[in-house]
Amino acid sequence: MSEVTGGDHEHDRAQLERMAFFSDAVFAIAMTLLVVEVKLPHIPRMEDALLAHALLTLIPSYIGFLVSFLVLARFWVSHHLTLGEMRAISPTVLWANLFLLLAVAFTPFPTAIVAEYAQLRVGVGFYALWLILLGLLNQRIIRLAIRHPKLRRDDASMATLSPHLRASWIPMLIGGLAFVAGMIAPLAAVVVLAVGSPIITYVMRRRTR
């Protein structure tokens, strides 16, 4: 099988769109399933105070849901923009995309772990390592698009894909910082995961101006 498809524009476009539709579906399902980990509270008596207390105890689950939803949103945007610069796919891209979707579909599990065990180093470390892995798999697709000119649109270039490549480092930086912070103070990792993305994004944009 040819490493890079080409020659039939309509066929190439159809294959690319098919991969994009499938990827969008996996992202959508994974992002929706995150809310399943926010469990319905159960109270012994119908009292406002008991319900309020039960809802407050779910704060780690709310944070886990929000952080993971935004993480997947960032990866979906990156994926969407990268595919927008492409005109064809190859078997290597297909497999790279499937491995990325594997990690995306797995997201509810590390989210549940960090929500339940945010005070433990293993809990936050597990989530941070998953975030780094997800970043590496996402970056793999971008690098494949950069490496093979036949995969890119005629008006796409290194200049148009380089910003996506730079931005792909952000989740891995956040994951690395969260892992280090979590080994020192587990709850510090949660703070890094919650506020790290906008801060690191701002710093990287300032440095690339």
N, C-alpha and C. Protein backbone atom coordinates (compact mmCIF):
# COMPACT_ATOMS: atom_id res chain seq x y z
N MET A 1 0.84 -1.20 0.00
CA MET A 1 0.00 0.00 0.00
C MET A 1 0.87 1.24 0.00
N SER A 2 0.49 2.21 -0.81
CA SER A 2 1.28 3.44 -0.90
C SER A 2 1.28 4.18 0.42
N GLU A 3 2.43 4.72 0.79
CA GLU A 3 2.55 5.46 2.04
C GLU A 3 1.74 6.74 2.01
N VAL A 4 1.72 7.42 0.86
CA VAL A 4 0.99 8.67 0.73
C VAL A 4 0.02 8.55 -0.43
N THR A 5 -1.26 8.83 -0.17
CA THR A 5 -2.24 8.75 -1.23
C THR A 5 -2.10 9.95 -2.15
N GLY A 6 -2.59 9.86 -3.34
CA GLY A 6 -2.51 10.99 -4.26
C GLY A 6 -3.00 10.59 -5.63
N GLY A 7 -3.28 11.58 -6.49
CA GLY A 7 -3.68 11.28 -7.85
C GLY A 7 -5.16 11.39 -8.09
N ASP A 8 -6.00 11.04 -7.11
CA ASP A 8 -7.45 11.12 -7.24
C ASP A 8 -7.95 12.07 -6.18
N HIS A 9 -8.19 13.31 -6.58
CA HIS A 9 -8.53 14.35 -5.61
C HIS A 9 -9.83 14.03 -4.87
N GLU A 10 -10.85 13.60 -5.60
CA GLU A 10 -12.14 13.33 -4.96
C GLU A 10 -12.04 12.18 -3.96
N HIS A 11 -11.29 11.13 -4.35
CA HIS A 11 -11.12 9.99 -3.45
C HIS A 11 -10.35 10.40 -2.21
N ASP A 12 -9.28 11.16 -2.39
CA ASP A 12 -8.48 11.62 -1.25
C ASP A 12 -9.32 12.46 -0.30
N ARG A 13 -10.12 13.37 -0.89
CA ARG A 13 -10.96 14.24 -0.08
C ARG A 13 -11.99 13.45 0.70
N ALA A 14 -12.58 12.44 0.05
CA ALA A 14 -13.58 11.60 0.72
C ALA A 14 -12.97 10.83 1.89
N GLN A 15 -11.76 10.30 1.70
CA GLN A 15 -11.09 9.56 2.77
C GLN A 15 -10.75 10.48 3.94
N LEU A 16 -10.30 11.69 3.64
CA LEU A 16 -9.98 12.66 4.68
C LEU A 16 -11.23 13.04 5.46
N GLU A 17 -12.33 13.29 4.75
CA GLU A 17 -13.58 13.67 5.42
C GLU A 17 -14.12 12.52 6.26
N ARG A 18 -13.95 11.29 5.77
CA ARG A 18 -14.41 10.13 6.53
C ARG A 18 -13.65 10.02 7.85
N MET A 19 -12.34 10.22 7.81
CA MET A 19 -11.54 10.19 9.03
C MET A 19 -11.92 11.33 9.95
N ALA A 20 -12.19 12.51 9.40
CA ALA A 20 -12.56 13.67 10.21
C ALA A 20 -13.90 13.43 10.91
N PHE A 21 -14.89 12.89 10.19
CA PHE A 21 -16.21 12.62 10.78
C PHE A 21 -16.11 11.61 11.91
N PHE A 22 -15.34 10.55 11.66
CA PHE A 22 -15.17 9.53 12.69
C PHE A 22 -14.48 10.11 13.93
N SER A 23 -13.45 10.92 13.70
CA SER A 23 -12.72 11.54 14.80
C SER A 23 -13.62 12.47 15.60
N ASP A 24 -14.42 13.28 14.91
CA ASP A 24 -15.34 14.18 15.59
C ASP A 24 -16.31 13.42 16.48
N ALA A 25 -16.78 12.27 15.99
CA ALA A 25 -17.72 11.46 16.76
C ALA A 25 -17.08 10.94 18.04
N VAL A 26 -15.82 10.46 17.93
CA VAL A 26 -15.13 9.95 19.12
C VAL A 26 -14.90 11.08 20.13
N PHE A 27 -14.45 12.23 19.66
CA PHE A 27 -14.27 13.37 20.55
C PHE A 27 -15.58 13.73 21.24
N ALA A 28 -16.67 13.79 20.48
CA ALA A 28 -17.96 14.18 21.04
C ALA A 28 -18.43 13.19 22.10
N ILE A 29 -18.27 11.90 21.82
CA ILE A 29 -18.70 10.88 22.78
C ILE A 29 -17.86 10.95 24.05
N ALA A 30 -16.53 11.08 23.89
CA ALA A 30 -15.64 11.13 25.06
C ALA A 30 -15.95 12.36 25.92
N MET A 31 -16.19 13.51 25.27
CA MET A 31 -16.49 14.73 26.02
C MET A 31 -17.83 14.62 26.74
N THR A 32 -18.79 13.93 26.12
CA THR A 32 -20.10 13.75 26.75
C THR A 32 -20.03 12.79 27.93
N LEU A 33 -19.24 11.72 27.77
CA LEU A 33 -19.14 10.71 28.83
C LEU A 33 -18.44 11.24 30.09
N LEU A 34 -17.74 12.35 29.97
CA LEU A 34 -17.08 12.90 31.15
C LEU A 34 -18.07 13.22 32.27
N VAL A 35 -19.27 13.63 31.90
CA VAL A 35 -20.25 14.02 32.92
C VAL A 35 -20.74 12.81 33.70
N VAL A 36 -20.57 11.61 33.15
CA VAL A 36 -21.00 10.40 33.85
C VAL A 36 -20.26 10.25 35.18
N GLU A 37 -19.02 10.78 35.24
CA GLU A 37 -18.24 10.68 36.47
C GLU A 37 -18.69 11.66 37.54
N VAL A 38 -19.58 12.59 37.19
CA VAL A 38 -20.17 13.49 38.21
C VAL A 38 -21.42 12.78 38.71
N LYS A 39 -21.26 12.04 39.80
CA LYS A 39 -22.31 11.15 40.29
C LYS A 39 -23.45 11.93 40.93
N LEU A 40 -24.65 11.41 40.78
CA LEU A 40 -25.82 11.98 41.44
C LEU A 40 -25.69 11.78 42.95
N PRO A 41 -25.77 12.86 43.74
CA PRO A 41 -25.61 12.70 45.19
C PRO A 41 -26.83 12.00 45.81
N HIS A 42 -26.56 11.21 46.85
CA HIS A 42 -27.63 10.53 47.59
C HIS A 42 -27.60 11.03 49.03
N ILE A 43 -28.76 11.41 49.52
CA ILE A 43 -28.86 11.93 50.89
C ILE A 43 -29.86 11.09 51.67
N PRO A 44 -29.62 10.91 53.00
CA PRO A 44 -30.51 10.06 53.80
C PRO A 44 -31.89 10.66 54.03
N ARG A 45 -31.97 11.99 54.04
CA ARG A 45 -33.26 12.68 54.25
C ARG A 45 -33.39 13.85 53.29
N MET A 46 -34.60 14.23 52.99
CA MET A 46 -34.86 15.34 52.07
C MET A 46 -34.68 16.66 52.80
N GLU A 47 -33.43 17.08 52.96
CA GLU A 47 -33.11 18.34 53.63
C GLU A 47 -32.16 19.14 52.75
N ASP A 48 -32.41 20.46 52.69
CA ASP A 48 -31.57 21.33 51.88
C ASP A 48 -30.12 21.29 52.31
N ALA A 49 -29.87 21.29 53.62
CA ALA A 49 -28.50 21.31 54.13
C ALA A 49 -27.74 20.06 53.70
N LEU A 50 -28.40 18.91 53.76
CA LEU A 50 -27.75 17.67 53.36
C LEU A 50 -27.42 17.66 51.86
N LEU A 51 -28.37 18.16 51.06
CA LEU A 51 -28.13 18.21 49.62
C LEU A 51 -27.01 19.19 49.29
N ALA A 52 -27.01 20.34 49.97
CA ALA A 52 -25.96 21.32 49.72
C ALA A 52 -24.59 20.74 50.06
N HIS A 53 -24.51 20.04 51.19
CA HIS A 53 -23.24 19.42 51.59
C HIS A 53 -22.81 18.36 50.58
N ALA A 54 -23.77 17.55 50.11
CA ALA A 54 -23.45 16.50 49.14
C ALA A 54 -22.96 17.10 47.82
N LEU A 55 -23.57 18.21 47.41
CA LEU A 55 -23.14 18.86 46.18
C LEU A 55 -21.74 19.45 46.33
N LEU A 56 -21.43 19.97 47.51
CA LEU A 56 -20.10 20.53 47.74
C LEU A 56 -19.02 19.45 47.73
N THR A 57 -19.37 18.27 48.19
CA THR A 57 -18.38 17.18 48.20
C THR A 57 -18.03 16.73 46.78
N LEU A 58 -18.84 17.13 45.80
CA LEU A 58 -18.58 16.76 44.41
C LEU A 58 -17.70 17.76 43.68
N ILE A 59 -17.18 18.77 44.39
CA ILE A 59 -16.34 19.79 43.75
C ILE A 59 -15.17 19.17 42.97
N PRO A 60 -14.45 18.17 43.51
CA PRO A 60 -13.38 17.55 42.71
C PRO A 60 -13.88 16.96 41.39
N SER A 61 -15.09 16.41 41.40
CA SER A 61 -15.66 15.87 40.16
C SER A 61 -15.98 16.98 39.17
N TYR A 62 -16.49 18.13 39.70
CA TYR A 62 -16.77 19.26 38.82
C TYR A 62 -15.47 19.75 38.16
N ILE A 63 -14.43 19.85 38.96
CA ILE A 63 -13.14 20.33 38.44
C ILE A 63 -12.58 19.35 37.41
N GLY A 64 -12.65 18.05 37.73
CA GLY A 64 -12.16 17.04 36.81
C GLY A 64 -12.91 17.10 35.49
N PHE A 65 -14.24 17.25 35.56
CA PHE A 65 -15.04 17.35 34.34
C PHE A 65 -14.64 18.57 33.52
N LEU A 66 -14.53 19.72 34.18
CA LEU A 66 -14.21 20.96 33.47
C LEU A 66 -12.83 20.91 32.84
N VAL A 67 -11.82 20.46 33.61
CA VAL A 67 -10.46 20.40 33.09
C VAL A 67 -10.37 19.45 31.90
N SER A 68 -10.94 18.26 32.04
CA SER A 68 -10.85 17.28 30.95
C SER A 68 -11.65 17.72 29.73
N PHE A 69 -12.78 18.37 29.95
CA PHE A 69 -13.56 18.86 28.81
C PHE A 69 -12.75 19.90 28.03
N LEU A 70 -12.10 20.81 28.75
CA LEU A 70 -11.30 21.83 28.09
C LEU A 70 -10.05 21.23 27.44
N VAL A 71 -9.48 20.20 28.07
CA VAL A 71 -8.33 19.50 27.47
C VAL A 71 -8.74 18.90 26.12
N LEU A 72 -9.85 18.17 26.12
CA LEU A 72 -10.30 17.56 24.88
C LEU A 72 -10.73 18.62 23.86
N ALA A 73 -11.28 19.72 24.34
CA ALA A 73 -11.65 20.80 23.42
C ALA A 73 -10.41 21.35 22.72
N ARG A 74 -9.33 21.53 23.48
CA ARG A 74 -8.09 22.02 22.88
C ARG A 74 -7.57 21.03 21.84
N PHE A 75 -7.59 19.75 22.16
CA PHE A 75 -7.10 18.76 21.21
C PHE A 75 -8.01 18.67 19.98
N TRP A 76 -9.32 18.83 20.17
CA TRP A 76 -10.22 18.80 19.03
C TRP A 76 -9.95 19.99 18.10
N VAL A 77 -9.73 21.16 18.69
CA VAL A 77 -9.42 22.34 17.88
C VAL A 77 -8.13 22.12 17.09
N SER A 78 -7.09 21.59 17.76
CA SER A 78 -5.83 21.31 17.09
C SER A 78 -6.03 20.31 15.96
N HIS A 79 -6.79 19.26 16.24
CA HIS A 79 -7.06 18.22 15.25
C HIS A 79 -7.82 18.81 14.06
N HIS A 80 -8.82 19.62 14.36
CA HIS A 80 -9.64 20.25 13.32
C HIS A 80 -8.79 21.16 12.42
N LEU A 81 -7.94 21.97 13.03
CA LEU A 81 -7.11 22.89 12.26
C LEU A 81 -6.07 22.15 11.43
N THR A 82 -5.50 21.09 11.99
CA THR A 82 -4.50 20.32 11.25
C THR A 82 -5.12 19.65 10.03
N LEU A 83 -6.27 19.01 10.21
CA LEU A 83 -6.93 18.37 9.08
C LEU A 83 -7.35 19.39 8.03
N GLY A 84 -7.63 20.61 8.49
CA GLY A 84 -8.00 21.66 7.55
C GLY A 84 -6.87 22.06 6.63
N GLU A 85 -5.63 21.76 7.02
CA GLU A 85 -4.46 22.05 6.18
C GLU A 85 -4.09 20.88 5.27
N MET A 86 -4.83 19.78 5.38
CA MET A 86 -4.49 18.57 4.62
C MET A 86 -5.48 18.35 3.47
N ARG A 87 -5.02 17.64 2.47
CA ARG A 87 -5.88 17.29 1.33
C ARG A 87 -5.98 15.78 1.13
N ALA A 88 -5.12 15.04 1.81
CA ALA A 88 -5.11 13.58 1.67
C ALA A 88 -4.57 12.97 2.95
N ILE A 89 -4.73 11.65 3.06
CA ILE A 89 -4.20 10.92 4.22
C ILE A 89 -3.39 9.74 3.71
N SER A 90 -2.67 9.13 4.63
CA SER A 90 -1.88 7.94 4.32
C SER A 90 -2.19 6.88 5.37
N PRO A 91 -1.80 5.63 5.15
CA PRO A 91 -2.00 4.61 6.18
C PRO A 91 -1.35 4.99 7.51
N THR A 92 -0.19 5.64 7.46
CA THR A 92 0.48 6.05 8.69
C THR A 92 -0.36 7.08 9.44
N VAL A 93 -0.94 8.03 8.71
CA VAL A 93 -1.79 9.03 9.34
C VAL A 93 -3.03 8.38 9.94
N LEU A 94 -3.61 7.41 9.22
CA LEU A 94 -4.78 6.72 9.74
C LEU A 94 -4.49 6.05 11.08
N TRP A 95 -3.36 5.35 11.15
CA TRP A 95 -3.01 4.67 12.40
C TRP A 95 -2.66 5.67 13.50
N ALA A 96 -1.95 6.74 13.13
CA ALA A 96 -1.63 7.77 14.12
C ALA A 96 -2.91 8.38 14.68
N ASN A 97 -3.89 8.57 13.81
CA ASN A 97 -5.17 9.14 14.24
C ASN A 97 -5.92 8.17 15.15
N LEU A 98 -5.87 6.89 14.83
CA LEU A 98 -6.55 5.89 15.67
C LEU A 98 -5.93 5.82 17.06
N PHE A 99 -4.61 5.91 17.14
CA PHE A 99 -3.97 5.90 18.46
C PHE A 99 -4.36 7.16 19.26
N LEU A 100 -4.46 8.29 18.57
CA LEU A 100 -4.93 9.51 19.26
C LEU A 100 -6.34 9.31 19.78
N LEU A 101 -7.22 8.74 18.97
CA LEU A 101 -8.60 8.53 19.38
C LEU A 101 -8.69 7.50 20.51
N LEU A 102 -7.77 6.55 20.53
CA LEU A 102 -7.71 5.59 21.63
C LEU A 102 -7.50 6.33 22.95
N ALA A 103 -6.55 7.27 22.95
CA ALA A 103 -6.28 8.05 24.16
C ALA A 103 -7.46 8.96 24.50
N VAL A 104 -8.09 9.52 23.48
CA VAL A 104 -9.25 10.39 23.70
C VAL A 104 -10.39 9.60 24.35
N ALA A 105 -10.68 8.41 23.82
CA ALA A 105 -11.76 7.59 24.37
C ALA A 105 -11.48 7.14 25.79
N PHE A 106 -10.20 7.07 26.16
CA PHE A 106 -9.79 6.64 27.50
C PHE A 106 -9.95 7.75 28.53
N THR A 107 -10.17 8.99 28.08
CA THR A 107 -10.15 10.16 28.95
C THR A 107 -11.04 10.06 30.19
N PRO A 108 -12.26 9.55 30.11
CA PRO A 108 -13.08 9.50 31.33
C PRO A 108 -12.45 8.74 32.49
N PHE A 109 -11.60 7.76 32.19
CA PHE A 109 -10.99 6.99 33.28
C PHE A 109 -9.96 7.80 34.07
N PRO A 110 -8.93 8.40 33.44
CA PRO A 110 -8.02 9.23 34.24
C PRO A 110 -8.73 10.42 34.88
N THR A 111 -9.81 10.90 34.26
CA THR A 111 -10.58 11.98 34.87
C THR A 111 -11.21 11.51 36.18
N ALA A 112 -11.77 10.30 36.16
CA ALA A 112 -12.36 9.74 37.38
C ALA A 112 -11.29 9.52 38.45
N ILE A 113 -10.11 9.08 38.03
CA ILE A 113 -9.02 8.84 38.98
C ILE A 113 -8.60 10.13 39.67
N VAL A 114 -8.37 11.19 38.88
CA VAL A 114 -7.89 12.44 39.48
C VAL A 114 -8.98 13.09 40.31
N ALA A 115 -10.25 12.91 39.95
CA ALA A 115 -11.34 13.48 40.74
C ALA A 115 -11.48 12.77 42.08
N GLU A 116 -11.26 11.48 42.09
CA GLU A 116 -11.42 10.70 43.32
C GLU A 116 -10.17 10.73 44.19
N TYR A 117 -8.98 10.82 43.57
CA TYR A 117 -7.74 10.69 44.31
C TYR A 117 -6.80 11.88 44.06
N ALA A 118 -7.38 13.08 44.01
CA ALA A 118 -6.57 14.28 43.75
C ALA A 118 -5.56 14.56 44.85
N GLN A 119 -5.77 13.99 46.03
CA GLN A 119 -4.86 14.21 47.14
C GLN A 119 -3.70 13.21 47.15
N LEU A 120 -3.68 12.30 46.20
CA LEU A 120 -2.63 11.28 46.15
C LEU A 120 -1.72 11.52 44.94
N ARG A 121 -0.42 11.30 45.13
CA ARG A 121 0.55 11.52 44.06
C ARG A 121 0.28 10.61 42.86
N VAL A 122 -0.06 9.37 43.12
CA VAL A 122 -0.31 8.44 42.02
C VAL A 122 -1.50 8.90 41.19
N GLY A 123 -2.54 9.43 41.85
CA GLY A 123 -3.73 9.88 41.13
C GLY A 123 -3.43 11.01 40.17
N VAL A 124 -2.77 12.07 40.66
CA VAL A 124 -2.47 13.22 39.78
C VAL A 124 -1.36 12.88 38.79
N GLY A 125 -0.43 12.02 39.22
CA GLY A 125 0.64 11.61 38.31
C GLY A 125 0.11 10.82 37.14
N PHE A 126 -0.86 9.95 37.41
CA PHE A 126 -1.49 9.16 36.35
C PHE A 126 -2.17 10.06 35.33
N TYR A 127 -2.89 11.07 35.80
CA TYR A 127 -3.58 11.99 34.91
C TYR A 127 -2.57 12.81 34.09
N ALA A 128 -1.52 13.28 34.76
CA ALA A 128 -0.50 14.09 34.07
C ALA A 128 0.19 13.29 32.97
N LEU A 129 0.51 12.03 33.24
CA LEU A 129 1.17 11.20 32.23
C LEU A 129 0.24 10.92 31.06
N TRP A 130 -1.06 10.73 31.36
CA TRP A 130 -2.02 10.55 30.26
C TRP A 130 -2.07 11.81 29.39
N LEU A 131 -2.02 12.99 30.01
CA LEU A 131 -2.06 14.24 29.25
C LEU A 131 -0.83 14.37 28.34
N ILE A 132 0.33 13.98 28.86
CA ILE A 132 1.55 14.00 28.04
C ILE A 132 1.44 13.04 26.87
N LEU A 133 0.93 11.85 27.12
CA LEU A 133 0.76 10.86 26.05
C LEU A 133 -0.20 11.39 24.98
N LEU A 134 -1.29 11.98 25.41
CA LEU A 134 -2.26 12.54 24.47
C LEU A 134 -1.60 13.63 23.62
N GLY A 135 -0.77 14.44 24.25
CA GLY A 135 -0.06 15.49 23.52
C GLY A 135 0.90 14.92 22.48
N LEU A 136 1.61 13.88 22.83
CA LEU A 136 2.54 13.25 21.90
C LEU A 136 1.82 12.66 20.69
N LEU A 137 0.69 12.02 20.95
CA LEU A 137 -0.07 11.41 19.86
C LEU A 137 -0.65 12.48 18.94
N ASN A 138 -1.09 13.57 19.51
CA ASN A 138 -1.60 14.69 18.71
C ASN A 138 -0.47 15.30 17.87
N GLN A 139 0.68 15.48 18.48
CA GLN A 139 1.80 16.08 17.77
C GLN A 139 2.28 15.18 16.63
N ARG A 140 2.14 13.89 16.78
CA ARG A 140 2.55 12.94 15.74
C ARG A 140 1.80 13.22 14.44
N ILE A 141 0.51 13.50 14.52
CA ILE A 141 -0.27 13.78 13.32
C ILE A 141 0.20 15.06 12.65
N ILE A 142 0.47 16.08 13.45
CA ILE A 142 0.94 17.35 12.89
C ILE A 142 2.29 17.16 12.19
N ARG A 143 3.18 16.41 12.81
CA ARG A 143 4.50 16.18 12.20
C ARG A 143 4.38 15.39 10.90
N LEU A 144 3.45 14.46 10.83
CA LEU A 144 3.26 13.72 9.59
C LEU A 144 2.77 14.64 8.47
N ALA A 145 1.89 15.57 8.82
CA ALA A 145 1.40 16.53 7.83
C ALA A 145 2.52 17.43 7.34
N ILE A 146 3.42 17.81 8.26
CA ILE A 146 4.55 18.66 7.88
C ILE A 146 5.55 17.89 7.03
N ARG A 147 5.76 16.63 7.36
CA ARG A 147 6.80 15.84 6.72
C ARG A 147 6.48 15.49 5.27
N HIS A 148 5.20 15.31 4.96
CA HIS A 148 4.81 14.85 3.62
C HIS A 148 4.04 15.94 2.88
N PRO A 149 4.69 16.64 1.97
CA PRO A 149 4.02 17.71 1.22
C PRO A 149 2.79 17.23 0.46
N LYS A 150 2.77 15.96 0.01
CA LYS A 150 1.63 15.46 -0.75
C LYS A 150 0.36 15.35 0.10
N LEU A 151 0.53 15.36 1.42
CA LEU A 151 -0.64 15.31 2.30
C LEU A 151 -1.26 16.69 2.50
N ARG A 152 -0.48 17.73 2.25
CA ARG A 152 -0.95 19.09 2.52
C ARG A 152 -1.68 19.68 1.33
N ARG A 153 -2.56 20.63 1.62
CA ARG A 153 -3.19 21.39 0.55
C ARG A 153 -2.15 22.21 -0.19
N ASP A 154 -2.47 22.60 -1.40
CA ASP A 154 -1.51 23.37 -2.21
C ASP A 154 -1.14 24.69 -1.54
N ASP A 155 -2.11 25.30 -0.83
CA ASP A 155 -1.83 26.59 -0.19
C ASP A 155 -1.33 26.44 1.24
N ALA A 156 -1.13 25.20 1.70
CA ALA A 156 -0.59 24.97 3.03
C ALA A 156 0.93 24.85 2.95
N SER A 157 1.62 25.23 4.00
CA SER A 157 3.07 25.21 4.00
C SER A 157 3.58 24.99 5.42
N MET A 158 4.89 24.93 5.54
CA MET A 158 5.50 24.83 6.87
C MET A 158 5.07 26.01 7.73
N ALA A 159 4.93 27.18 7.11
CA ALA A 159 4.57 28.39 7.86
C ALA A 159 3.17 28.28 8.45
N THR A 160 2.24 27.64 7.72
CA THR A 160 0.88 27.52 8.23
C THR A 160 0.75 26.42 9.27
N LEU A 161 1.62 25.41 9.20
CA LEU A 161 1.54 24.30 10.15
C LEU A 161 2.43 24.50 11.38
N SER A 162 3.44 25.34 11.27
CA SER A 162 4.35 25.56 12.39
C SER A 162 3.64 26.07 13.65
N PRO A 163 2.66 27.00 13.53
CA PRO A 163 1.95 27.42 14.76
C PRO A 163 1.22 26.28 15.44
N HIS A 164 0.67 25.35 14.65
CA HIS A 164 0.00 24.19 15.24
C HIS A 164 1.01 23.31 15.99
N LEU A 165 2.20 23.18 15.40
CA LEU A 165 3.24 22.36 16.04
C LEU A 165 3.69 23.00 17.36
N ARG A 166 3.89 24.33 17.34
CA ARG A 166 4.28 25.02 18.59
C ARG A 166 3.19 24.88 19.65
N ALA A 167 1.95 25.06 19.24
CA ALA A 167 0.84 24.96 20.19
C ALA A 167 0.70 23.55 20.75
N SER A 168 1.13 22.55 19.98
CA SER A 168 0.99 21.16 20.44
C SER A 168 1.88 20.85 21.64
N TRP A 169 2.87 21.71 21.90
CA TRP A 169 3.72 21.50 23.07
C TRP A 169 3.03 21.90 24.36
N ILE A 170 2.01 22.74 24.30
CA ILE A 170 1.39 23.29 25.50
C ILE A 170 0.82 22.19 26.41
N PRO A 171 0.00 21.25 25.91
CA PRO A 171 -0.51 20.21 26.81
C PRO A 171 0.60 19.38 27.45
N MET A 172 1.68 19.13 26.70
CA MET A 172 2.78 18.35 27.27
C MET A 172 3.53 19.13 28.35
N LEU A 173 3.67 20.44 28.14
CA LEU A 173 4.29 21.27 29.17
C LEU A 173 3.43 21.29 30.43
N ILE A 174 2.12 21.42 30.24
CA ILE A 174 1.21 21.41 31.39
C ILE A 174 1.27 20.06 32.11
N GLY A 175 1.26 18.98 31.32
CA GLY A 175 1.35 17.66 31.92
C GLY A 175 2.64 17.46 32.70
N GLY A 176 3.76 17.92 32.12
CA GLY A 176 5.04 17.81 32.82
C GLY A 176 5.08 18.61 34.10
N LEU A 177 4.60 19.85 34.04
CA LEU A 177 4.56 20.70 35.23
C LEU A 177 3.63 20.11 36.29
N ALA A 178 2.49 19.60 35.84
CA ALA A 178 1.54 19.00 36.79
C ALA A 178 2.13 17.77 37.45
N PHE A 179 2.88 16.98 36.68
CA PHE A 179 3.50 15.78 37.26
C PHE A 179 4.51 16.16 38.33
N VAL A 180 5.39 17.13 38.01
CA VAL A 180 6.40 17.57 38.98
C VAL A 180 5.73 18.17 40.21
N ALA A 181 4.73 19.04 39.98
CA ALA A 181 4.03 19.66 41.10
C ALA A 181 3.31 18.61 41.94
N GLY A 182 2.75 17.61 41.27
CA GLY A 182 2.02 16.57 41.99
C GLY A 182 2.90 15.70 42.86
N MET A 183 4.15 15.52 42.46
CA MET A 183 5.07 14.74 43.29
C MET A 183 5.48 15.50 44.55
N ILE A 184 5.35 16.82 44.50
CA ILE A 184 5.68 17.66 45.68
C ILE A 184 4.45 17.85 46.55
N ALA A 185 3.37 18.30 45.92
CA ALA A 185 2.10 18.53 46.62
C ALA A 185 0.98 18.20 45.65
N PRO A 186 0.30 17.08 45.82
CA PRO A 186 -0.70 16.63 44.85
C PRO A 186 -1.72 17.68 44.45
N LEU A 187 -2.23 18.44 45.40
CA LEU A 187 -3.24 19.43 45.07
C LEU A 187 -2.68 20.56 44.21
N ALA A 188 -1.36 20.77 44.27
CA ALA A 188 -0.73 21.78 43.41
C ALA A 188 -0.85 21.38 41.94
N ALA A 189 -0.84 20.08 41.67
CA ALA A 189 -1.00 19.61 40.30
C ALA A 189 -2.37 19.96 39.75
N VAL A 190 -3.38 19.90 40.61
CA VAL A 190 -4.74 20.26 40.18
C VAL A 190 -4.79 21.73 39.78
N VAL A 191 -4.09 22.55 40.54
CA VAL A 191 -4.03 23.98 40.21
C VAL A 191 -3.35 24.19 38.86
N VAL A 192 -2.24 23.48 38.63
CA VAL A 192 -1.53 23.59 37.35
C VAL A 192 -2.43 23.16 36.21
N LEU A 193 -3.15 22.07 36.38
CA LEU A 193 -4.04 21.58 35.34
C LEU A 193 -5.18 22.54 35.07
N ALA A 194 -5.66 23.22 36.12
CA ALA A 194 -6.81 24.10 35.98
C ALA A 194 -6.45 25.44 35.35
N VAL A 195 -5.28 25.99 35.70
CA VAL A 195 -4.95 27.35 35.24
C VAL A 195 -3.72 27.39 34.33
N GLY A 196 -3.07 26.23 34.14
CA GLY A 196 -1.83 26.23 33.37
C GLY A 196 -1.99 26.56 31.91
N SER A 197 -3.08 26.09 31.29
CA SER A 197 -3.25 26.26 29.86
C SER A 197 -3.26 27.72 29.41
N PRO A 198 -4.11 28.59 30.00
CA PRO A 198 -4.08 29.99 29.55
C PRO A 198 -2.78 30.70 29.82
N ILE A 199 -2.12 30.37 30.94
CA ILE A 199 -0.86 31.04 31.28
C ILE A 199 0.23 30.65 30.31
N ILE A 200 0.39 29.34 30.06
CA ILE A 200 1.45 28.87 29.15
C ILE A 200 1.16 29.32 27.73
N THR A 201 -0.10 29.32 27.33
CA THR A 201 -0.46 29.81 25.99
C THR A 201 -0.07 31.27 25.83
N TYR A 202 -0.34 32.07 26.85
CA TYR A 202 0.00 33.50 26.79
C TYR A 202 1.51 33.70 26.70
N VAL A 203 2.27 32.95 27.50
CA VAL A 203 3.73 33.08 27.51
C VAL A 203 4.30 32.68 26.15
N MET A 204 3.81 31.57 25.59
CA MET A 204 4.35 31.11 24.31
C MET A 204 4.02 32.08 23.18
N ARG A 205 2.84 32.67 23.23
CA ARG A 205 2.49 33.65 22.20
C ARG A 205 3.36 34.90 22.31
N ARG A 206 3.66 35.30 23.53
CA ARG A 206 4.53 36.47 23.72
C ARG A 206 5.92 36.20 23.19
N ARG A 207 6.42 34.97 23.37
CA ARG A 207 7.79 34.63 22.96
C ARG A 207 7.90 34.48 21.45
N THR A 208 6.77 34.17 20.78
CA THR A 208 6.84 33.95 19.34
C THR A 208 6.47 35.19 18.53
N ARG A 209 6.17 36.28 19.19
CA ARG A 209 5.86 37.52 18.48
C ARG A 209 7.12 38.16 17.90
